[in-house]
Amino acid sequence: MSTTTASGSQNLAAYLTAAKGPFSVLPAPQRVPAAGEVLVKVQACALQPADAKVAKLAVLPVAYPTILGSPVAGFVEAVGEGVQKVKVGDRVVASTSIFEKGGDERWGGVQRFAIVSERNAIAIPSSLSFENACATASHSPVAALHAVGTLNIPRASNPSEPAPQTTGTILIWGGSSAMGSLAISYAKKAGLTVITTCSRHNFDLVKSLGADFVLDYKRPQGDVVADLVKTAKQVGVPKYWFDTISLPASMAPLVEVISQTTAPDQAVMVLHLNPPFMFVSSVTIPPNVTTKLYTISSAEKGDPELMQWMLGKGGYLERGLNEGWLRGVPPLVLGGLDQVEKGIEMLHREEVSGQKLVVLPWQD
């Protein structure tokens, strides 16, 4: 990664210069928020597996050069016309909209000043560090569990209490991933029994998040399947299935568990995060199983009421962050913008487990 320094209030960003290309830290334009937009002076930004897929595999069409990274946490530097949810000086966390905006660099997170939508900006207390905020505040897991077009788990009218009508079991493959860990917390808030898989060294972490049953997925596949089938029959066959890894090594045993616990004519939907081409060539999907690719943009478009419940003032995420009952994996701070490329490589090589990678744009 090449680096150019900046001083004062000049914007600086880690640019992905081309499809599958390198990153360069370069001066970036000063951002000006339009109506309904918020300018954040970014103190911390998380790196997501989706960022690595775009950077290393070019799985989404984006305009280059582009700036990746989300969520961001920092101070409100300026607000656009009509913004009322937050004000200048507030401490906030917000998911960016870089992929929904086609890679428009204004919306990327790994820069010192980033644009976010007013809707996504959530005020956070001084007791919550920026690093922990951006490691916890992704709204993707919430939408994955509760959107009408995804798992559609009932949501509570009071965001801090579980929906009383929610019962049943969810199987979350990859409970120590950033997505999986938050999904465990949210599933428990919804009143579900959680079965999950992870590496043995992360058992204590996922149990602390509320997982009821934890199995080591690194054992031989037949042993993992047998134990999951046994557990499912003991506590109730899962009503919800979520593969946060979404590769052949996770999807194959997952559909085998489904085959051994459900009738051939019982429809089952598995929510997954990777495009199907990353597993369908080597995994036989039973006729009664539908695999559904989750994207936050499709969830948002199909369920505007969820977005208000989740992101509105006093909503699910704001209450969870301010009251302290939303928990995920801890942040692993890599350093400044010059560490973005390292973080992307770590995610691409699947070297991250039980942690969320975070960079600090103002750290030299």
Protein backbone atom coordinates (compact mmCIF):
# COMPACT_ATOMS: atom_id res chain seq x y z
CA MET A 1 0.00 0.00 0.00
CA SER A 2 1.35 3.41 -0.94
CA THR A 3 0.88 6.32 1.46
CA THR A 4 0.66 10.10 1.22
CA THR A 5 0.42 12.13 4.43
CA ALA A 6 -2.04 14.89 5.22
CA SER A 7 -2.27 17.39 8.05
CA GLY A 8 -4.85 19.48 9.87
CA SER A 9 -8.42 18.85 8.77
CA GLN A 10 -7.56 17.61 5.30
CA ASN A 11 -9.38 14.47 4.30
CA LEU A 12 -7.32 11.35 3.75
CA ALA A 13 -8.57 7.99 2.51
CA ALA A 14 -7.47 4.44 1.75
CA TYR A 15 -8.51 4.10 -1.89
CA LEU A 16 -9.05 0.79 -3.66
CA THR A 17 -7.62 1.99 -6.95
CA ALA A 18 -8.99 -0.66 -9.33
CA ALA A 19 -10.85 -3.97 -9.43
CA LYS A 20 -8.70 -6.48 -7.50
CA GLY A 21 -6.10 -3.72 -7.33
CA PRO A 22 -3.97 -2.32 -4.52
CA PHE A 23 -4.91 0.24 -1.89
CA SER A 24 -3.31 3.68 -1.73
CA VAL A 25 -3.63 6.23 1.08
CA LEU A 26 -4.18 9.56 -0.67
CA PRO A 27 -5.68 13.00 -0.02
CA ALA A 28 -9.42 12.95 -0.64
CA PRO A 29 -11.91 15.74 -1.37
CA GLN A 30 -13.54 17.53 1.52
CA ARG A 31 -17.07 16.16 1.86
CA VAL A 32 -20.12 18.41 2.08
CA PRO A 33 -23.37 16.85 3.30
CA ALA A 34 -26.43 17.34 1.12
CA ALA A 35 -30.00 17.36 2.42
CA GLY A 36 -30.62 14.37 4.67
CA GLU A 37 -26.92 13.60 4.97
CA VAL A 38 -24.46 13.73 7.88
CA LEU A 39 -20.72 14.35 7.68
CA VAL A 40 -18.82 12.24 10.22
CA LYS A 41 -15.26 12.89 11.39
CA VAL A 42 -14.37 9.22 11.47
CA GLN A 43 -12.53 8.01 14.57
CA ALA A 44 -12.90 4.29 13.85
CA CYS A 45 -14.10 2.18 10.93
CA ALA A 46 -14.74 -1.55 10.73
CA LEU A 47 -13.70 -3.80 7.86
CA GLN A 48 -16.23 -6.40 6.72
CA PRO A 49 -15.92 -9.72 4.88
CA ALA A 50 -17.95 -8.03 2.14
CA ASP A 51 -15.15 -5.48 1.74
CA ALA A 52 -12.68 -8.30 1.15
CA LYS A 53 -14.96 -9.95 -1.40
CA VAL A 54 -15.24 -6.70 -3.34
CA ALA A 55 -11.54 -5.88 -3.06
CA LYS A 56 -10.16 -9.33 -3.85
CA LEU A 57 -12.86 -10.91 -6.02
CA ALA A 58 -14.71 -7.89 -7.48
CA VAL A 59 -18.04 -9.57 -6.71
CA LEU A 60 -19.99 -6.29 -6.98
CA PRO A 61 -19.83 -3.63 -9.68
CA VAL A 62 -18.46 -0.43 -8.15
CA ALA A 63 -16.89 2.72 -9.54
CA TYR A 64 -13.11 2.96 -9.10
CA PRO A 65 -11.27 4.33 -7.30
CA THR A 66 -13.50 3.58 -4.34
CA ILE A 67 -13.40 3.62 -0.55
CA LEU A 68 -14.64 0.63 1.44
CA GLY A 69 -15.40 0.12 5.15
CA SER A 70 -18.47 0.15 7.44
CA PRO A 71 -19.72 1.00 10.02
CA VAL A 72 -17.98 4.23 10.98
CA ALA A 73 -17.93 5.85 14.42
CA GLY A 74 -16.93 9.39 15.25
CA PHE A 75 -18.15 12.96 15.72
CA VAL A 76 -20.78 14.75 13.66
CA GLU A 77 -18.80 17.39 11.76
CA ALA A 78 -21.70 18.89 9.77
CA VAL A 79 -25.29 18.13 8.83
CA GLY A 80 -27.24 18.70 5.65
CA GLU A 81 -30.51 20.52 5.25
CA GLY A 82 -33.39 19.04 7.22
CA VAL A 83 -31.33 16.76 9.47
CA GLN A 84 -32.86 16.57 12.96
CA LYS A 85 -31.86 13.16 14.31
CA VAL A 86 -28.30 14.21 15.24
CA LYS A 87 -26.43 17.50 15.58
CA VAL A 88 -22.88 18.80 15.20
CA GLY A 89 -20.63 17.45 17.95
CA ASP A 90 -22.67 14.33 18.66
CA ARG A 91 -20.87 11.02 19.03
CA VAL A 92 -22.39 8.67 16.45
CA VAL A 93 -22.02 5.34 14.74
CA ALA A 94 -23.45 4.64 11.29
CA SER A 95 -23.39 2.03 8.59
CA THR A 96 -22.18 3.50 5.33
CA SER A 97 -23.96 3.09 2.01
CA ILE A 98 -20.96 2.45 -0.21
CA PHE A 99 -22.34 -0.60 -2.00
CA GLU A 100 -25.87 0.78 -2.37
CA LYS A 101 -24.30 3.90 -3.91
CA GLY A 102 -22.31 1.90 -6.47
CA GLY A 103 -18.95 2.61 -4.87
CA ASP A 104 -19.36 6.41 -4.74
CA GLU A 105 -16.35 7.34 -2.60
CA ARG A 106 -18.26 9.93 -0.53
CA TRP A 107 -19.95 7.04 1.24
CA GLY A 108 -16.89 4.92 2.05
CA GLY A 109 -15.73 4.45 5.63
CA VAL A 110 -11.93 4.24 5.57
CA GLN A 111 -11.40 7.98 5.30
CA ARG A 112 -11.18 10.80 7.81
CA PHE A 113 -14.46 12.44 6.80
CA ALA A 114 -17.32 10.27 5.51
CA ILE A 115 -20.89 10.92 4.44
CA VAL A 116 -23.67 8.83 5.98
CA SER A 117 -27.44 9.07 5.72
CA GLU A 118 -29.35 10.68 8.57
CA ARG A 119 -31.37 7.49 8.89
CA ASN A 120 -28.27 5.39 9.59
CA ALA A 121 -26.70 7.75 12.14
CA ILE A 122 -27.17 6.59 15.73
CA ALA A 123 -26.12 8.64 18.76
CA ILE A 124 -23.89 6.75 21.20
CA PRO A 125 -22.92 7.47 24.82
CA SER A 126 -19.48 8.57 25.95
CA SER A 127 -19.17 5.27 27.82
CA LEU A 128 -19.02 3.37 24.52
CA SER A 129 -15.70 3.57 22.69
CA PHE A 130 -15.70 4.31 18.97
CA GLU A 131 -13.87 1.02 18.35
CA ASN A 132 -16.52 -1.00 20.16
CA ALA A 133 -19.32 0.98 18.56
CA CYS A 134 -18.28 0.20 15.00
CA ALA A 135 -17.65 -3.44 15.96
CA THR A 136 -21.20 -3.80 17.27
CA ALA A 137 -23.49 -1.46 15.36
CA SER A 138 -23.86 -3.19 11.99
CA HIS A 139 -27.54 -3.31 11.15
CA SER A 140 -27.09 -6.19 8.69
CA PRO A 141 -27.60 -8.94 11.32
CA VAL A 142 -30.78 -7.28 12.58
CA ALA A 143 -32.24 -7.12 9.09
CA ALA A 144 -31.09 -10.68 8.36
CA LEU A 145 -33.10 -11.99 11.29
CA HIS A 146 -36.13 -9.71 11.27
CA ALA A 147 -36.84 -8.47 7.72
CA VAL A 148 -39.96 -9.75 5.99
CA GLY A 149 -37.92 -11.05 3.05
CA THR A 150 -35.31 -12.85 5.17
CA LEU A 151 -35.84 -14.99 8.30
CA ASN A 152 -38.77 -12.78 9.37
CA ILE A 153 -38.40 -13.49 13.08
CA PRO A 154 -41.09 -11.55 14.98
CA ARG A 155 -39.84 -8.28 16.43
CA ALA A 156 -40.83 -6.76 19.75
CA SER A 157 -42.83 -3.55 20.02
CA ASN A 158 -40.40 -2.57 22.80
CA PRO A 159 -36.93 -2.98 21.28
CA SER A 160 -35.32 -3.94 24.59
CA GLU A 161 -37.70 -6.84 25.25
CA PRO A 162 -38.19 -10.07 23.29
CA ALA A 163 -41.33 -10.55 21.24
CA PRO A 164 -43.54 -12.66 23.55
CA GLN A 165 -44.89 -14.73 20.66
CA THR A 166 -41.43 -15.81 19.47
CA THR A 167 -40.52 -19.41 20.21
CA GLY A 168 -38.40 -22.01 18.54
CA THR A 169 -34.81 -22.71 17.61
CA ILE A 170 -32.32 -21.13 15.22
CA LEU A 171 -29.16 -22.77 13.91
CA ILE A 172 -26.44 -20.20 13.20
CA TRP A 173 -23.40 -21.63 11.42
CA GLY A 174 -20.35 -19.55 12.29
CA GLY A 175 -21.28 -18.09 15.65
CA SER A 176 -17.90 -16.46 16.26
CA SER A 177 -17.95 -14.50 13.01
CA ALA A 178 -18.82 -10.82 13.26
CA MET A 179 -22.22 -11.48 11.67
CA GLY A 180 -22.80 -14.68 13.61
CA SER A 181 -21.96 -13.21 17.00
CA LEU A 182 -24.41 -10.36 16.58
CA ALA A 183 -27.02 -12.75 15.20
CA ILE A 184 -26.71 -14.78 18.42
CA SER A 185 -27.33 -11.69 20.55
CA TYR A 186 -30.31 -10.64 18.45
CA ALA A 187 -31.78 -14.15 18.32
CA LYS A 188 -31.64 -14.40 22.11
CA LYS A 189 -33.31 -10.99 22.38
CA ALA A 190 -36.04 -12.42 20.15
CA GLY A 191 -36.56 -15.29 22.58
CA LEU A 192 -35.08 -18.10 20.47
CA THR A 193 -33.01 -21.11 21.49
CA VAL A 194 -29.67 -20.81 19.69
CA ILE A 195 -27.60 -23.69 18.32
CA THR A 196 -24.34 -22.53 16.79
CA THR A 197 -20.98 -23.72 15.51
CA CYS A 198 -17.52 -22.24 15.89
CA SER A 199 -13.93 -23.20 16.67
CA ARG A 200 -13.41 -24.62 20.15
CA HIS A 201 -11.27 -21.67 21.24
CA ASN A 202 -14.30 -19.38 20.70
CA PHE A 203 -16.74 -21.44 22.78
CA ASP A 204 -16.57 -19.10 25.78
CA LEU A 205 -17.17 -16.07 23.56
CA VAL A 206 -20.33 -17.38 21.89
CA LYS A 207 -21.67 -18.76 25.17
CA SER A 208 -21.19 -15.32 26.73
CA LEU A 209 -23.35 -13.91 23.93
CA GLY A 210 -26.15 -16.29 24.85
CA ALA A 211 -25.70 -19.37 22.64
CA ASP A 212 -27.47 -22.34 24.22
CA PHE A 213 -25.64 -25.12 22.37
CA VAL A 214 -22.19 -24.78 20.78
CA LEU A 215 -20.47 -27.35 18.56
CA ASP A 216 -16.96 -27.45 17.11
CA TYR A 217 -17.28 -27.34 13.32
CA LYS A 218 -13.62 -28.22 12.79
CA ARG A 219 -14.21 -31.86 13.69
CA PRO A 220 -14.90 -34.41 10.91
CA GLN A 221 -18.05 -33.44 9.03
CA GLY A 222 -19.87 -36.66 9.90
CA ASP A 223 -19.32 -36.10 13.61
CA VAL A 224 -20.50 -32.50 13.41
CA VAL A 225 -23.63 -33.49 11.51
CA ALA A 226 -24.42 -36.31 13.95
CA ASP A 227 -24.11 -34.01 16.97
CA LEU A 228 -26.18 -31.26 15.36
CA VAL A 229 -28.91 -33.75 14.45
CA LYS A 230 -28.91 -35.10 18.01
CA THR A 231 -29.08 -31.60 19.50
CA ALA A 232 -31.83 -30.51 17.11
CA LYS A 233 -33.96 -33.52 18.00
CA GLN A 234 -33.46 -32.86 21.71
CA VAL A 235 -34.30 -29.15 21.80
CA GLY A 236 -36.46 -28.79 18.72
CA VAL A 237 -35.68 -28.87 15.02
CA PRO A 238 -34.61 -25.37 13.99
CA LYS A 239 -37.29 -23.15 12.54
CA TYR A 240 -34.63 -20.75 11.26
CA TRP A 241 -31.36 -21.58 9.49
CA PHE A 242 -28.57 -19.03 8.98
CA ASP A 243 -25.21 -19.80 7.33
CA THR A 244 -22.92 -16.85 8.05
CA ILE A 245 -19.94 -18.57 6.37
CA SER A 246 -21.74 -19.64 3.17
CA LEU A 247 -19.05 -21.83 1.64
CA PRO A 248 -19.11 -25.56 0.76
CA ALA A 249 -17.57 -26.43 4.15
CA SER A 250 -20.58 -24.90 5.92
CA MET A 251 -23.44 -25.38 3.47
CA ALA A 252 -22.80 -29.10 2.89
CA PRO A 253 -23.13 -30.18 6.55
CA LEU A 254 -25.98 -27.73 7.07
CA VAL A 255 -28.14 -29.26 4.33
CA GLU A 256 -27.24 -32.74 5.60
CA VAL A 257 -28.59 -31.78 9.03
CA ILE A 258 -31.75 -30.51 7.35
CA SER A 259 -32.12 -33.76 5.41
CA GLN A 260 -31.88 -35.79 8.62
CA THR A 261 -34.24 -33.66 10.71
CA THR A 262 -37.01 -32.58 8.33
CA ALA A 263 -39.45 -34.41 6.08
CA PRO A 264 -38.65 -34.40 2.34
CA ASP A 265 -41.82 -32.39 1.64
CA GLN A 266 -41.19 -29.79 4.37
CA ALA A 267 -40.03 -26.49 2.90
CA VAL A 268 -36.89 -25.07 4.50
CA MET A 269 -35.12 -21.79 3.76
CA VAL A 270 -31.42 -21.27 4.51
CA LEU A 271 -30.25 -17.66 4.61
CA HIS A 272 -26.69 -17.20 3.39
CA LEU A 273 -24.26 -14.34 2.73
CA ASN A 274 -22.17 -15.39 -0.28
CA PRO A 275 -23.37 -15.54 -3.89
CA PRO A 276 -24.55 -19.09 -4.69
CA PHE A 277 -21.75 -19.68 -7.19
CA MET A 278 -19.40 -19.96 -4.20
CA PHE A 279 -21.00 -23.22 -3.04
CA VAL A 280 -23.57 -24.67 -5.50
CA SER A 281 -21.03 -26.45 -7.70
CA SER A 282 -19.95 -28.73 -4.86
CA VAL A 283 -23.05 -28.93 -2.65
CA THR A 284 -26.24 -30.79 -3.56
CA ILE A 285 -29.22 -28.79 -2.35
CA PRO A 286 -32.26 -30.98 -1.57
CA PRO A 287 -35.49 -30.16 -3.45
CA ASN A 288 -37.24 -28.97 -0.28
CA VAL A 289 -34.44 -26.53 0.61
CA THR A 290 -34.34 -22.98 -0.72
CA THR A 291 -31.14 -20.99 -0.31
CA LYS A 292 -31.65 -17.24 -0.09
CA LEU A 293 -28.88 -14.70 -0.56
CA TYR A 294 -29.10 -11.93 2.02
CA THR A 295 -28.27 -8.36 1.09
CA ILE A 296 -29.03 -5.37 3.27
CA SER A 297 -30.31 -3.36 0.30
CA SER A 298 -32.97 -5.94 -0.58
CA ALA A 299 -34.02 -6.22 3.06
CA GLU A 300 -34.36 -2.43 3.32
CA LYS A 301 -36.42 -2.10 0.14
CA GLY A 302 -38.77 -4.90 1.15
CA ASP A 303 -39.42 -3.82 4.73
CA PRO A 304 -39.40 -0.07 5.44
CA GLU A 305 -41.14 -0.61 8.79
CA LEU A 306 -38.17 -2.69 9.95
CA MET A 307 -35.80 0.14 9.15
CA GLN A 308 -37.78 2.52 11.35
CA TRP A 309 -37.99 -0.04 14.18
CA MET A 310 -34.27 -0.68 13.93
CA LEU A 311 -32.80 2.72 13.08
CA GLY A 312 -35.34 5.24 14.32
CA LYS A 313 -34.62 7.51 17.27
CA GLY A 314 -35.12 5.36 20.36
CA GLY A 315 -35.17 2.25 18.16
CA TYR A 316 -33.57 -1.16 18.46
CA LEU A 317 -29.96 -0.26 17.72
CA GLU A 318 -29.92 3.03 19.62
CA ARG A 319 -31.43 1.43 22.72
CA GLY A 320 -29.17 -1.59 22.50
CA LEU A 321 -26.01 0.47 22.19
CA ASN A 322 -26.97 2.96 24.87
CA GLU A 323 -28.34 0.41 27.33
CA GLY A 324 -25.51 -2.05 26.75
CA TRP A 325 -27.49 -5.18 25.87
CA LEU A 326 -26.20 -5.52 22.30
CA ARG A 327 -22.93 -7.40 22.17
CA GLY A 328 -20.74 -8.82 19.45
CA VAL A 329 -17.14 -9.80 18.96
CA PRO A 330 -14.44 -7.48 20.34
CA PRO A 331 -12.55 -5.10 18.02
CA LEU A 332 -9.05 -5.85 16.80
CA VAL A 333 -7.47 -2.46 16.07
CA LEU A 334 -4.99 -2.71 13.21
CA GLY A 335 -3.77 0.89 13.18
CA GLY A 336 -4.22 3.72 10.69
CA LEU A 337 -5.36 3.86 7.08
CA ASP A 338 -2.15 2.24 5.90
CA GLN A 339 -3.35 -0.99 7.56
CA VAL A 340 -6.50 -1.33 5.44
CA GLU A 341 -4.81 -3.54 2.86
CA LYS A 342 -3.47 -5.80 5.62
CA GLY A 343 -6.95 -6.13 7.06
CA ILE A 344 -8.46 -6.98 3.69
CA GLU A 345 -5.83 -9.69 3.20
CA MET A 346 -6.58 -11.12 6.65
CA LEU A 347 -10.28 -11.32 5.83
CA HIS A 348 -9.62 -12.81 2.41
CA ARG A 349 -7.39 -15.52 3.88
CA GLU A 350 -9.98 -16.23 6.59
CA GLU A 351 -7.54 -15.38 9.36
CA VAL A 352 -10.08 -13.47 11.46
CA SER A 353 -12.05 -15.34 14.11
CA GLY A 354 -13.91 -13.98 17.10
CA GLN A 355 -12.88 -10.38 16.37
CA LYS A 356 -13.88 -7.40 14.23
CA LEU A 357 -11.11 -5.63 12.35
CA VAL A 358 -11.03 -1.88 12.97
CA VAL A 359 -8.86 0.93 11.58
CA LEU A 360 -8.36 4.42 13.01
CA PRO A 361 -8.22 7.00 10.20
CA TRP A 362 -6.50 9.66 12.34
CA GLN A 363 -3.74 7.38 13.58
CA ASP A 364 -0.43 7.81 11.76
